[in-house]
Amino acid sequence: MKKGKTIIYPEYNGLYINLTNRCPCSCTFCIRQKKSAAEFDNVETLWLEKEPAAQEVIEAIKEESKTERFKSYKEFVFCGYGEPTEALDVLLEVASFLKKNFTLPVRINTNGLGNLVNGKNIVPLLKGKIDALSISLNSSDPKIYESTVRPVFKEKAFPAMLDFAEKAGKVIPKVIMSTVETTISKEDEENCTKLCEKLGVTHRIRKFINPDN
C-alpha cells in the first residue's frame, strides 16, 4: 500500500487536515477498503508514512495560507484516512491555533467514538475550538450499526456514539449525524431522523462512494 506525507489537502470548499490512519472501525462502505489511490482525485494517497506532530500541521497550514487558493476556503476540516480523535492532543493544539489565527469555522468528521478511544469524555475539550461535528451514525439499529461499522469496541460503540453526540450537541454549535444512502432501509433512515431529533442534533443522508470503483 502506497504511503505519503499528505497532511493537508483542498477538498470541496475547505482545507482538510489529515492527522492519522488509526481508526477503531472497519466500515463495510469505507473508502479505506479500496486497496489503491485515495478517496479524492487531487490527492495521490492519504495513507501517512507517520503521524505528523502538531507543529508540522501548523507549519503546513501557515504555508498554505500564503497561497491564492487559501482565499477560497470556507472551513477547516479534520478528516483523512483515520479517526481524528485518535490524535486528540494534536487535534486540540492545531484547533487552538486555527481559532486564534483565522476566522474560518473548524469541523471534525468523526465516528463519534472519541470518548471510548481516549477513555474519557472529550467533549469539554472541544468546546470553543470546534464549530461543527459530523458524526457517522450509519443506522438507528445497534445490531445493524455494529455489523456495518465493525467497531473494535463491539456493543459498547453504539450507545457511546449516541452519548457523545448528545453531549456534543449541548456545547458544539453544529452537530450533524449522517447515514449513507443505499446502505440502510428507508425505514431505518426515518428512525435515524427521529433518533437525531431526540438527541437534539441534525440528521443528514450522505451519498454512497463505492470503494470498488
N, C-alpha and C. Protein backbone atom coordinates (compact mmCIF):
# COMPACT_ATOMS: atom_id res chain seq x y z
N MET A 1 0.83 -1.19 0.00
CA MET A 1 0.00 0.00 0.00
C MET A 1 0.87 1.25 0.00
N LYS A 2 0.63 2.13 -0.95
CA LYS A 2 1.43 3.33 -1.07
C LYS A 2 1.14 4.31 0.06
N LYS A 3 2.21 4.87 0.64
CA LYS A 3 2.05 5.83 1.71
C LYS A 3 2.74 7.14 1.36
N GLY A 4 2.31 8.23 2.00
CA GLY A 4 2.88 9.53 1.69
C GLY A 4 2.89 10.45 2.89
N LYS A 5 2.95 11.76 2.60
CA LYS A 5 3.06 12.76 3.66
C LYS A 5 1.98 13.83 3.54
N THR A 6 0.84 13.46 3.01
CA THR A 6 -0.23 14.44 2.83
C THR A 6 -0.88 14.78 4.16
N ILE A 7 -0.54 15.95 4.69
CA ILE A 7 -1.08 16.41 5.97
C ILE A 7 -2.32 17.25 5.76
N ILE A 8 -2.27 18.11 4.74
CA ILE A 8 -3.43 18.95 4.41
C ILE A 8 -3.75 18.80 2.93
N TYR A 9 -4.99 18.99 2.57
CA TYR A 9 -5.38 18.90 1.17
C TYR A 9 -6.68 19.65 0.94
N PRO A 10 -6.82 20.32 -0.20
CA PRO A 10 -8.06 21.05 -0.51
C PRO A 10 -9.13 20.09 -1.00
N GLU A 11 -10.33 20.24 -0.51
CA GLU A 11 -11.44 19.40 -0.97
C GLU A 11 -12.74 20.15 -0.76
N TYR A 12 -13.66 20.00 -1.73
CA TYR A 12 -14.92 20.73 -1.70
C TYR A 12 -14.59 22.21 -1.51
N ASN A 13 -15.07 22.84 -0.46
CA ASN A 13 -14.75 24.26 -0.24
C ASN A 13 -13.93 24.46 1.03
N GLY A 14 -13.21 23.42 1.43
CA GLY A 14 -12.46 23.52 2.68
C GLY A 14 -11.03 23.04 2.58
N LEU A 15 -10.27 23.32 3.62
CA LEU A 15 -8.92 22.79 3.76
C LEU A 15 -9.00 21.64 4.75
N TYR A 16 -8.75 20.44 4.26
CA TYR A 16 -8.87 19.23 5.07
C TYR A 16 -7.54 18.89 5.73
N ILE A 17 -7.61 18.37 6.95
CA ILE A 17 -6.42 18.10 7.75
C ILE A 17 -6.37 16.62 8.11
N ASN A 18 -5.32 15.95 7.68
CA ASN A 18 -5.16 14.50 7.81
C ASN A 18 -4.16 14.20 8.93
N LEU A 19 -4.64 13.77 10.08
CA LEU A 19 -3.79 13.59 11.26
C LEU A 19 -3.31 12.18 11.50
N THR A 20 -4.10 11.19 11.09
CA THR A 20 -3.78 9.81 11.48
C THR A 20 -4.45 8.80 10.55
N ASN A 21 -3.89 7.60 10.50
CA ASN A 21 -4.52 6.48 9.80
C ASN A 21 -5.28 5.58 10.77
N ARG A 22 -5.08 5.81 12.07
CA ARG A 22 -5.71 4.95 13.07
C ARG A 22 -7.23 5.14 13.10
N CYS A 23 -7.95 4.05 13.23
CA CYS A 23 -9.41 4.11 13.34
C CYS A 23 -9.90 2.84 14.05
N PRO A 24 -10.85 2.99 15.00
CA PRO A 24 -11.35 1.82 15.72
C PRO A 24 -12.45 1.08 14.96
N CYS A 25 -12.72 1.52 13.74
CA CYS A 25 -13.80 0.90 12.95
C CYS A 25 -13.27 0.38 11.62
N SER A 26 -14.04 -0.50 11.01
CA SER A 26 -13.73 -1.03 9.69
C SER A 26 -15.03 -1.11 8.91
N CYS A 27 -15.59 0.06 8.62
CA CYS A 27 -16.91 0.15 7.99
C CYS A 27 -16.94 -0.55 6.63
N THR A 28 -18.02 -1.24 6.37
CA THR A 28 -18.14 -2.01 5.13
C THR A 28 -18.14 -1.13 3.90
N PHE A 29 -18.58 0.13 4.04
CA PHE A 29 -18.68 1.03 2.90
C PHE A 29 -17.50 1.99 2.79
N CYS A 30 -16.57 1.92 3.73
CA CYS A 30 -15.49 2.92 3.82
C CYS A 30 -14.52 2.84 2.66
N ILE A 31 -14.10 4.00 2.20
CA ILE A 31 -13.14 4.08 1.10
C ILE A 31 -11.80 3.46 1.47
N ARG A 32 -11.54 3.29 2.76
CA ARG A 32 -10.29 2.65 3.21
C ARG A 32 -10.20 1.20 2.73
N GLN A 33 -11.35 0.63 2.38
CA GLN A 33 -11.33 -0.74 1.89
C GLN A 33 -10.74 -0.84 0.49
N LYS A 34 -10.65 0.32 -0.17
CA LYS A 34 -10.04 0.36 -1.50
C LYS A 34 -8.54 0.18 -1.36
N LYS A 35 -7.95 -0.64 -2.16
CA LYS A 35 -6.55 -1.01 -1.98
C LYS A 35 -5.56 -0.01 -2.57
N SER A 36 -6.03 0.85 -3.45
CA SER A 36 -5.11 1.79 -4.06
C SER A 36 -5.72 3.18 -4.16
N ALA A 37 -4.87 4.17 -4.38
CA ALA A 37 -5.29 5.57 -4.54
C ALA A 37 -5.92 6.12 -3.27
N ALA A 38 -6.66 7.21 -3.42
CA ALA A 38 -7.28 7.87 -2.27
C ALA A 38 -8.72 8.18 -2.61
N GLU A 39 -9.44 8.70 -1.65
CA GLU A 39 -10.85 9.00 -1.87
C GLU A 39 -11.01 10.17 -2.82
N PHE A 40 -10.03 11.04 -2.88
CA PHE A 40 -10.16 12.27 -3.65
C PHE A 40 -9.19 12.29 -4.82
N ASP A 41 -9.63 12.82 -5.94
CA ASP A 41 -8.83 12.82 -7.16
C ASP A 41 -7.58 13.69 -7.07
N ASN A 42 -7.62 14.70 -6.21
CA ASN A 42 -6.48 15.63 -6.15
C ASN A 42 -5.43 15.24 -5.11
N VAL A 43 -5.53 14.04 -4.57
CA VAL A 43 -4.56 13.57 -3.59
C VAL A 43 -4.08 12.18 -4.01
N GLU A 44 -2.78 12.00 -4.12
CA GLU A 44 -2.25 10.70 -4.56
C GLU A 44 -2.53 9.62 -3.53
N THR A 45 -2.30 9.93 -2.26
CA THR A 45 -2.63 8.99 -1.18
C THR A 45 -2.78 9.75 0.12
N LEU A 46 -3.69 9.28 0.95
CA LEU A 46 -3.87 9.86 2.28
C LEU A 46 -3.29 8.96 3.36
N TRP A 47 -2.77 7.80 2.95
CA TRP A 47 -2.11 6.94 3.92
C TRP A 47 -0.80 7.60 4.34
N LEU A 48 -0.63 7.82 5.63
CA LEU A 48 0.53 8.54 6.14
C LEU A 48 1.72 7.61 6.43
N GLU A 49 2.90 8.06 6.08
CA GLU A 49 4.10 7.32 6.46
C GLU A 49 4.27 7.37 7.97
N LYS A 50 3.96 8.52 8.55
CA LYS A 50 3.97 8.69 10.00
C LYS A 50 3.02 9.80 10.37
N GLU A 51 2.53 9.75 11.60
CA GLU A 51 1.61 10.79 12.04
C GLU A 51 2.37 12.09 12.27
N PRO A 52 1.82 13.21 11.80
CA PRO A 52 2.51 14.48 11.98
C PRO A 52 2.37 15.02 13.40
N ALA A 53 3.38 15.73 13.87
CA ALA A 53 3.30 16.44 15.14
C ALA A 53 2.46 17.69 14.90
N ALA A 54 1.95 18.26 15.97
CA ALA A 54 1.11 19.44 15.85
C ALA A 54 1.81 20.57 15.10
N GLN A 55 3.08 20.78 15.40
CA GLN A 55 3.81 21.87 14.76
C GLN A 55 3.98 21.64 13.27
N GLU A 56 4.09 20.39 12.86
CA GLU A 56 4.18 20.08 11.43
C GLU A 56 2.89 20.47 10.72
N VAL A 57 1.77 20.18 11.35
CA VAL A 57 0.48 20.53 10.78
C VAL A 57 0.33 22.04 10.71
N ILE A 58 0.69 22.71 11.78
CA ILE A 58 0.58 24.16 11.85
C ILE A 58 1.44 24.83 10.78
N GLU A 59 2.66 24.34 10.60
CA GLU A 59 3.55 24.91 9.58
C GLU A 59 2.98 24.69 8.18
N ALA A 60 2.38 23.53 7.95
CA ALA A 60 1.77 23.24 6.65
C ALA A 60 0.61 24.20 6.37
N ILE A 61 -0.17 24.48 7.39
CA ILE A 61 -1.31 25.39 7.24
C ILE A 61 -0.81 26.82 7.02
N LYS A 62 0.23 27.21 7.73
CA LYS A 62 0.82 28.54 7.54
C LYS A 62 1.27 28.73 6.09
N GLU A 63 1.93 27.72 5.53
CA GLU A 63 2.40 27.80 4.15
C GLU A 63 1.22 27.88 3.19
N GLU A 64 0.20 27.09 3.46
CA GLU A 64 -0.99 27.09 2.60
C GLU A 64 -1.69 28.45 2.65
N SER A 65 -1.66 29.10 3.81
CA SER A 65 -2.33 30.40 3.97
C SER A 65 -1.71 31.49 3.10
N LYS A 66 -0.50 31.23 2.59
CA LYS A 66 0.18 32.20 1.74
C LYS A 66 -0.23 32.07 0.27
N THR A 67 -0.95 31.01 -0.06
CA THR A 67 -1.33 30.75 -1.44
C THR A 67 -2.61 31.49 -1.81
N GLU A 68 -2.81 31.66 -3.09
CA GLU A 68 -4.00 32.36 -3.58
C GLU A 68 -5.26 31.54 -3.32
N ARG A 69 -5.16 30.23 -3.42
CA ARG A 69 -6.35 29.38 -3.24
C ARG A 69 -6.88 29.38 -1.82
N PHE A 70 -6.03 29.77 -0.86
CA PHE A 70 -6.46 29.80 0.54
C PHE A 70 -7.68 30.71 0.71
N LYS A 71 -7.77 31.73 -0.13
CA LYS A 71 -8.89 32.68 -0.05
C LYS A 71 -10.23 32.02 -0.38
N SER A 72 -10.19 30.89 -1.06
CA SER A 72 -11.43 30.22 -1.48
C SER A 72 -11.99 29.28 -0.41
N TYR A 73 -11.19 28.97 0.62
CA TYR A 73 -11.65 28.04 1.64
C TYR A 73 -12.73 28.64 2.52
N LYS A 74 -13.71 27.81 2.86
CA LYS A 74 -14.82 28.25 3.71
C LYS A 74 -14.75 27.64 5.10
N GLU A 75 -13.91 26.62 5.28
CA GLU A 75 -13.80 25.96 6.58
C GLU A 75 -12.54 25.11 6.65
N PHE A 76 -12.16 24.77 7.88
CA PHE A 76 -11.11 23.78 8.12
C PHE A 76 -11.82 22.51 8.56
N VAL A 77 -11.35 21.36 8.05
CA VAL A 77 -11.99 20.10 8.38
C VAL A 77 -10.95 19.06 8.78
N PHE A 78 -11.06 18.54 10.00
CA PHE A 78 -10.22 17.43 10.42
C PHE A 78 -10.83 16.16 9.83
N CYS A 79 -10.20 15.64 8.80
CA CYS A 79 -10.73 14.46 8.11
C CYS A 79 -9.65 13.89 7.21
N GLY A 80 -9.38 12.60 7.35
CA GLY A 80 -8.39 11.96 6.49
C GLY A 80 -8.71 10.50 6.37
N TYR A 81 -7.69 9.65 6.43
CA TYR A 81 -7.92 8.21 6.34
C TYR A 81 -8.08 7.55 7.69
N GLY A 82 -8.11 8.35 8.75
CA GLY A 82 -8.30 7.80 10.08
C GLY A 82 -9.27 8.62 10.89
N GLU A 83 -9.50 8.21 12.13
CA GLU A 83 -10.39 8.92 13.05
C GLU A 83 -9.60 10.04 13.74
N PRO A 84 -9.95 11.30 13.50
CA PRO A 84 -9.17 12.43 14.04
C PRO A 84 -8.96 12.41 15.54
N THR A 85 -9.94 11.91 16.30
CA THR A 85 -9.80 11.93 17.76
C THR A 85 -8.81 10.88 18.26
N GLU A 86 -8.31 10.03 17.36
CA GLU A 86 -7.22 9.12 17.73
C GLU A 86 -5.95 9.92 17.99
N ALA A 87 -5.87 11.11 17.41
CA ALA A 87 -4.72 12.00 17.60
C ALA A 87 -5.22 13.25 18.33
N LEU A 88 -5.88 13.05 19.45
CA LEU A 88 -6.59 14.13 20.14
C LEU A 88 -5.69 15.29 20.53
N ASP A 89 -4.53 15.03 21.12
CA ASP A 89 -3.66 16.11 21.57
C ASP A 89 -3.24 17.00 20.40
N VAL A 90 -2.90 16.38 19.29
CA VAL A 90 -2.51 17.14 18.10
C VAL A 90 -3.70 17.92 17.58
N LEU A 91 -4.85 17.28 17.53
CA LEU A 91 -6.07 17.93 17.05
C LEU A 91 -6.37 19.19 17.87
N LEU A 92 -6.30 19.07 19.18
CA LEU A 92 -6.63 20.21 20.05
C LEU A 92 -5.64 21.35 19.89
N GLU A 93 -4.36 21.02 19.75
CA GLU A 93 -3.35 22.07 19.59
C GLU A 93 -3.53 22.78 18.25
N VAL A 94 -3.78 22.02 17.22
CA VAL A 94 -3.98 22.63 15.90
C VAL A 94 -5.27 23.44 15.87
N ALA A 95 -6.32 22.92 16.47
CA ALA A 95 -7.60 23.64 16.52
C ALA A 95 -7.45 24.97 17.25
N SER A 96 -6.69 24.97 18.32
CA SER A 96 -6.44 26.21 19.06
C SER A 96 -5.73 27.22 18.18
N PHE A 97 -4.74 26.75 17.43
CA PHE A 97 -4.02 27.62 16.50
C PHE A 97 -4.97 28.20 15.46
N LEU A 98 -5.84 27.37 14.92
CA LEU A 98 -6.78 27.82 13.89
C LEU A 98 -7.72 28.90 14.42
N LYS A 99 -8.24 28.69 15.61
CA LYS A 99 -9.19 29.64 16.18
C LYS A 99 -8.52 30.98 16.51
N LYS A 100 -7.24 30.93 16.86
CA LYS A 100 -6.52 32.15 17.22
C LYS A 100 -6.07 32.95 16.00
N ASN A 101 -5.89 32.27 14.88
CA ASN A 101 -5.28 32.93 13.73
C ASN A 101 -6.17 33.10 12.51
N PHE A 102 -7.32 32.43 12.48
CA PHE A 102 -8.20 32.53 11.32
C PHE A 102 -9.65 32.67 11.76
N THR A 103 -10.49 33.09 10.84
CA THR A 103 -11.91 33.28 11.14
C THR A 103 -12.78 32.15 10.60
N LEU A 104 -12.20 31.25 9.82
CA LEU A 104 -12.97 30.15 9.25
C LEU A 104 -13.43 29.18 10.33
N PRO A 105 -14.64 28.60 10.19
CA PRO A 105 -15.10 27.61 11.15
C PRO A 105 -14.28 26.33 11.06
N VAL A 106 -14.25 25.59 12.17
CA VAL A 106 -13.48 24.35 12.26
C VAL A 106 -14.43 23.17 12.49
N ARG A 107 -14.30 22.14 11.65
CA ARG A 107 -15.19 20.97 11.75
C ARG A 107 -14.36 19.71 11.93
N ILE A 108 -14.95 18.71 12.60
CA ILE A 108 -14.36 17.38 12.70
C ILE A 108 -15.32 16.38 12.07
N ASN A 109 -14.83 15.57 11.16
CA ASN A 109 -15.58 14.42 10.66
C ASN A 109 -15.15 13.23 11.52
N THR A 110 -16.08 12.63 12.23
CA THR A 110 -15.74 11.64 13.23
C THR A 110 -16.71 10.48 13.27
N ASN A 111 -16.27 9.35 13.81
CA ASN A 111 -17.18 8.22 14.03
C ASN A 111 -17.89 8.34 15.38
N GLY A 112 -17.55 9.37 16.14
CA GLY A 112 -18.24 9.61 17.41
C GLY A 112 -17.78 8.72 18.56
N LEU A 113 -16.67 8.02 18.36
CA LEU A 113 -16.18 7.10 19.40
C LEU A 113 -14.97 7.68 20.15
N GLY A 114 -14.80 8.98 20.06
CA GLY A 114 -13.66 9.63 20.69
C GLY A 114 -13.57 9.42 22.20
N ASN A 115 -14.72 9.31 22.86
CA ASN A 115 -14.69 9.09 24.32
C ASN A 115 -14.15 7.70 24.65
N LEU A 116 -14.53 6.71 23.85
CA LEU A 116 -14.03 5.36 24.06
C LEU A 116 -12.55 5.28 23.68
N VAL A 117 -12.20 5.91 22.60
CA VAL A 117 -10.81 5.90 22.13
C VAL A 117 -9.87 6.49 23.18
N ASN A 118 -10.32 7.59 23.80
CA ASN A 118 -9.47 8.30 24.76
C ASN A 118 -9.73 7.97 26.22
N GLY A 119 -10.73 7.13 26.46
CA GLY A 119 -11.01 6.70 27.82
C GLY A 119 -11.53 7.80 28.73
N LYS A 120 -12.15 8.83 28.14
CA LYS A 120 -12.70 9.93 28.93
C LYS A 120 -13.65 10.75 28.05
N ASN A 121 -14.42 11.62 28.68
CA ASN A 121 -15.31 12.50 27.95
C ASN A 121 -14.50 13.65 27.35
N ILE A 122 -14.33 13.64 26.04
CA ILE A 122 -13.50 14.67 25.39
C ILE A 122 -14.31 15.89 24.94
N VAL A 123 -15.63 15.84 25.05
CA VAL A 123 -16.47 16.93 24.57
C VAL A 123 -16.10 18.28 25.18
N PRO A 124 -15.88 18.37 26.51
CA PRO A 124 -15.50 19.67 27.08
C PRO A 124 -14.21 20.23 26.48
N LEU A 125 -13.32 19.36 26.02
CA LEU A 125 -12.06 19.80 25.43
C LEU A 125 -12.27 20.42 24.05
N LEU A 126 -13.38 20.07 23.40
CA LEU A 126 -13.67 20.57 22.06
C LEU A 126 -14.37 21.93 22.09
N LYS A 127 -14.98 22.24 23.21
CA LYS A 127 -15.73 23.49 23.35
C LYS A 127 -14.83 24.70 23.10
N GLY A 128 -15.30 25.58 22.24
CA GLY A 128 -14.54 26.79 21.93
C GLY A 128 -13.49 26.60 20.86
N LYS A 129 -13.17 25.34 20.53
CA LYS A 129 -12.18 25.05 19.50
C LYS A 129 -12.82 24.51 18.22
N ILE A 130 -13.96 23.85 18.38
CA ILE A 130 -14.64 23.20 17.26
C ILE A 130 -16.02 23.82 17.07
N ASP A 131 -16.32 24.16 15.81
CA ASP A 131 -17.61 24.79 15.49
C ASP A 131 -18.65 23.79 15.00
N ALA A 132 -18.17 22.67 14.46
CA ALA A 132 -19.11 21.69 13.91
C ALA A 132 -18.54 20.28 13.99
N LEU A 133 -19.46 19.32 14.18
CA LEU A 133 -19.10 17.91 14.18
C LEU A 133 -19.98 17.19 13.17
N SER A 134 -19.39 16.32 12.38
CA SER A 134 -20.14 15.45 11.50
C SER A 134 -19.87 14.03 11.97
N ILE A 135 -20.88 13.40 12.57
CA ILE A 135 -20.72 12.09 13.20
C ILE A 135 -21.38 11.00 12.35
N SER A 136 -20.68 9.91 12.12
CA SER A 136 -21.22 8.81 11.33
C SER A 136 -22.17 7.98 12.19
N LEU A 137 -23.46 8.09 11.94
CA LEU A 137 -24.48 7.34 12.68
C LEU A 137 -24.67 5.96 12.06
N ASN A 138 -24.87 5.94 10.75
CA ASN A 138 -24.95 4.70 9.96
C ASN A 138 -26.23 3.89 10.12
N SER A 139 -26.82 3.84 11.31
CA SER A 139 -28.08 3.12 11.49
C SER A 139 -28.66 3.45 12.86
N SER A 140 -29.99 3.32 12.97
CA SER A 140 -30.65 3.51 14.26
C SER A 140 -30.70 2.21 15.05
N ASP A 141 -30.36 1.11 14.39
CA ASP A 141 -30.40 -0.22 14.99
C ASP A 141 -29.00 -0.62 15.45
N PRO A 142 -28.80 -0.89 16.74
CA PRO A 142 -27.47 -1.24 17.25
C PRO A 142 -26.83 -2.42 16.54
N LYS A 143 -27.64 -3.43 16.20
CA LYS A 143 -27.09 -4.62 15.54
C LYS A 143 -26.63 -4.31 14.12
N ILE A 144 -27.45 -3.52 13.40
CA ILE A 144 -27.07 -3.13 12.04
C ILE A 144 -25.83 -2.25 12.09
N TYR A 145 -25.83 -1.33 13.06
CA TYR A 145 -24.68 -0.44 13.24
C TYR A 145 -23.40 -1.25 13.44
N GLU A 146 -23.45 -2.22 14.34
CA GLU A 146 -22.25 -2.98 14.66
C GLU A 146 -21.78 -3.81 13.48
N SER A 147 -22.71 -4.40 12.73
CA SER A 147 -22.32 -5.22 11.59
C SER A 147 -21.81 -4.37 10.42
N THR A 148 -22.26 -3.13 10.35
CA THR A 148 -21.84 -2.21 9.28
C THR A 148 -20.53 -1.52 9.62
N VAL A 149 -20.43 -1.04 10.85
CA VAL A 149 -19.27 -0.27 11.27
C VAL A 149 -18.11 -1.15 11.73
N ARG A 150 -18.44 -2.30 12.30
CA ARG A 150 -17.46 -3.27 12.79
C ARG A 150 -16.43 -2.63 13.73
N PRO A 151 -16.92 -2.00 14.81
CA PRO A 151 -16.03 -1.32 15.75
C PRO A 151 -15.30 -2.30 16.66
N VAL A 152 -14.09 -1.96 17.05
CA VAL A 152 -13.35 -2.81 17.97
C VAL A 152 -13.99 -2.83 19.36
N PHE A 153 -14.81 -1.83 19.64
CA PHE A 153 -15.48 -1.73 20.94
C PHE A 153 -16.77 -2.56 21.01
N LYS A 154 -17.11 -3.22 19.89
CA LYS A 154 -18.28 -4.10 19.83
C LYS A 154 -19.56 -3.38 20.29
N GLU A 155 -20.32 -4.00 21.21
CA GLU A 155 -21.62 -3.46 21.61
C GLU A 155 -21.52 -2.17 22.41
N LYS A 156 -20.36 -1.82 22.87
CA LYS A 156 -20.18 -0.57 23.63
C LYS A 156 -20.21 0.65 22.70
N ALA A 157 -19.94 0.43 21.43
CA ALA A 157 -19.76 1.54 20.49
C ALA A 157 -21.03 2.35 20.25
N PHE A 158 -22.12 1.68 19.95
CA PHE A 158 -23.36 2.39 19.58
C PHE A 158 -23.84 3.34 20.69
N PRO A 159 -24.05 2.86 21.92
CA PRO A 159 -24.50 3.79 22.98
C PRO A 159 -23.47 4.88 23.27
N ALA A 160 -22.19 4.57 23.15
CA ALA A 160 -21.16 5.57 23.40
C ALA A 160 -21.21 6.66 22.33
N MET A 161 -21.46 6.28 21.09
CA MET A 161 -21.56 7.23 20.00
C MET A 161 -22.75 8.16 20.19
N LEU A 162 -23.89 7.59 20.61
CA LEU A 162 -25.08 8.41 20.86
C LEU A 162 -24.86 9.36 22.03
N ASP A 163 -24.21 8.88 23.07
CA ASP A 163 -23.93 9.71 24.23
C ASP A 163 -23.00 10.86 23.86
N PHE A 164 -22.00 10.56 23.03
CA PHE A 164 -21.07 11.58 22.56
C PHE A 164 -21.82 12.66 21.78
N ALA A 165 -22.71 12.24 20.90
CA ALA A 165 -23.47 13.18 20.07
C ALA A 165 -24.36 14.07 20.93
N GLU A 166 -25.03 13.46 21.90
CA GLU A 166 -25.92 14.24 22.76
C GLU A 166 -25.15 15.26 23.59
N LYS A 167 -24.03 14.84 24.14
CA LYS A 167 -23.19 15.76 24.92
C LYS A 167 -22.66 16.88 24.03
N ALA A 168 -22.21 16.51 22.83
CA ALA A 168 -21.64 17.49 21.91
C ALA A 168 -22.69 18.51 21.47
N GLY A 169 -23.92 18.04 21.29
CA GLY A 169 -24.99 18.92 20.85
C GLY A 169 -25.28 20.06 21.82
N LYS A 170 -24.85 19.89 23.04
CA LYS A 170 -25.10 20.91 24.06
C LYS A 170 -24.00 21.99 24.11
N VAL A 171 -22.84 21.71 23.51
CA VAL A 171 -21.73 22.67 23.59
C VAL A 171 -21.11 23.03 22.23
N ILE A 172 -21.36 22.21 21.21
CA ILE A 172 -20.83 22.48 19.88
C ILE A 172 -21.94 23.12 19.05
N PRO A 173 -21.71 24.26 18.40
CA PRO A 173 -22.75 24.97 17.66
C PRO A 173 -23.52 24.14 16.64
N LYS A 174 -22.82 23.25 15.92
CA LYS A 174 -23.48 22.47 14.86
C LYS A 174 -23.05 21.01 14.94
N VAL A 175 -24.00 20.13 15.19
CA VAL A 175 -23.71 18.70 15.25
C VAL A 175 -24.63 17.96 14.28
N ILE A 176 -24.03 17.25 13.34
CA ILE A 176 -24.77 16.51 12.33
C ILE A 176 -24.42 15.03 12.43
N MET A 177 -25.42 14.18 12.41
CA MET A 177 -25.18 12.73 12.37
C MET A 177 -25.62 12.24 10.99
N SER A 178 -24.76 11.44 10.36
CA SER A 178 -25.02 11.06 8.98
C SER A 178 -25.21 9.57 8.80
N THR A 179 -25.98 9.25 7.77
CA THR A 179 -26.11 7.87 7.29
C THR A 179 -25.76 7.90 5.80
N VAL A 180 -25.48 6.74 5.23
CA VAL A 180 -25.11 6.65 3.83
C VAL A 180 -26.23 6.03 3.03
N GLU A 181 -26.65 6.72 2.00
CA GLU A 181 -27.77 6.24 1.18
C GLU A 181 -27.47 4.86 0.60
N THR A 182 -28.49 4.06 0.47
CA THR A 182 -28.49 2.69 -0.07
C THR A 182 -27.89 1.66 0.89
N THR A 183 -27.29 2.10 2.00
CA THR A 183 -26.71 1.13 2.94
C THR A 183 -27.71 0.69 4.01
N ILE A 184 -28.79 1.44 4.17
CA ILE A 184 -29.84 1.07 5.12
C ILE A 184 -31.20 1.30 4.48
N SER A 185 -32.25 0.78 5.10
CA SER A 185 -33.60 0.90 4.55
C SER A 185 -34.15 2.30 4.78
N LYS A 186 -35.19 2.64 4.05
CA LYS A 186 -35.87 3.93 4.22
C LYS A 186 -36.46 4.03 5.62
N GLU A 187 -36.95 2.92 6.13
CA GLU A 187 -37.50 2.90 7.49
C GLU A 187 -36.41 3.23 8.51
N ASP A 188 -35.25 2.66 8.29
CA ASP A 188 -34.12 2.92 9.19
C ASP A 188 -33.72 4.40 9.09
N GLU A 189 -33.72 4.94 7.89
CA GLU A 189 -33.40 6.36 7.71
C GLU A 189 -34.37 7.25 8.49
N GLU A 190 -35.66 6.89 8.42
CA GLU A 190 -36.67 7.65 9.16
C GLU A 190 -36.43 7.55 10.66
N ASN A 191 -36.08 6.35 11.11
CA ASN A 191 -35.80 6.16 12.53
C ASN A 191 -34.54 6.94 12.96
N CYS A 192 -33.59 7.04 12.06
CA CYS A 192 -32.39 7.82 12.34
C CYS A 192 -32.73 9.30 12.52
N THR A 193 -33.64 9.78 11.70
CA THR A 193 -34.08 11.17 11.81
C THR A 193 -34.74 11.41 13.16
N LYS A 194 -35.58 10.49 13.57
CA LYS A 194 -36.26 10.61 14.86
C LYS A 194 -35.25 10.54 16.01
N LEU A 195 -34.28 9.65 15.88
CA LEU A 195 -33.26 9.50 16.91
C LEU A 195 -32.45 10.78 17.06
N CYS A 196 -32.10 11.37 15.94
CA CYS A 196 -31.33 12.61 15.97
C CYS A 196 -32.13 13.75 16.59
N GLU A 197 -33.42 13.79 16.29
CA GLU A 197 -34.28 14.81 16.89
C GLU A 197 -34.31 14.65 18.41
N LYS A 198 -34.35 13.40 18.85
CA LYS A 198 -34.36 13.12 20.29
C LYS A 198 -33.05 13.55 20.94
N LEU A 199 -31.95 13.39 20.22
CA LEU A 199 -30.64 13.76 20.75
C LEU A 199 -30.37 15.25 20.65
N GLY A 200 -31.19 15.94 19.87
CA GLY A 200 -31.01 17.38 19.70
C GLY A 200 -29.97 17.74 18.65
N VAL A 201 -29.78 16.85 17.66
CA VAL A 201 -28.83 17.10 16.58
C VAL A 201 -29.52 16.92 15.24
N THR A 202 -28.79 17.14 14.15
CA THR A 202 -29.36 17.08 12.80
C THR A 202 -28.97 15.78 12.10
N HIS A 203 -29.90 15.22 11.32
CA HIS A 203 -29.63 14.02 10.54
C HIS A 203 -29.40 14.40 9.08
N ARG A 204 -28.33 13.84 8.47
CA ARG A 204 -28.04 14.08 7.06
C ARG A 204 -27.75 12.75 6.37
N ILE A 205 -28.28 12.59 5.16
CA ILE A 205 -28.04 11.38 4.37
C ILE A 205 -26.97 11.68 3.33
N ARG A 206 -25.84 10.96 3.40
CA ARG A 206 -24.72 11.18 2.50
C ARG A 206 -24.79 10.24 1.29
N LYS A 207 -24.18 10.66 0.19
CA LYS A 207 -24.13 9.83 -1.00
C LYS A 207 -23.15 8.68 -0.79
N PHE A 208 -23.46 7.55 -1.39
CA PHE A 208 -22.60 6.37 -1.29
C PHE A 208 -21.42 6.49 -2.24
N ILE A 209 -20.19 6.24 -1.76
CA ILE A 209 -19.00 6.20 -2.59
C ILE A 209 -18.53 4.76 -2.65
N ASN A 210 -18.55 4.16 -3.81
CA ASN A 210 -18.20 2.75 -3.96
C ASN A 210 -16.68 2.57 -3.92
N PRO A 211 -16.14 1.88 -2.91
CA PRO A 211 -14.69 1.70 -2.81
C PRO A 211 -14.12 0.77 -3.88
N ASP A 212 -15.00 0.09 -4.62
CA ASP A 212 -14.53 -0.84 -5.65
C ASP A 212 -14.37 -0.18 -7.01
N ASN A 213 -14.83 1.08 -7.12
CA ASN A 213 -14.72 1.78 -8.40
C ASN A 213 -13.28 2.23 -8.67
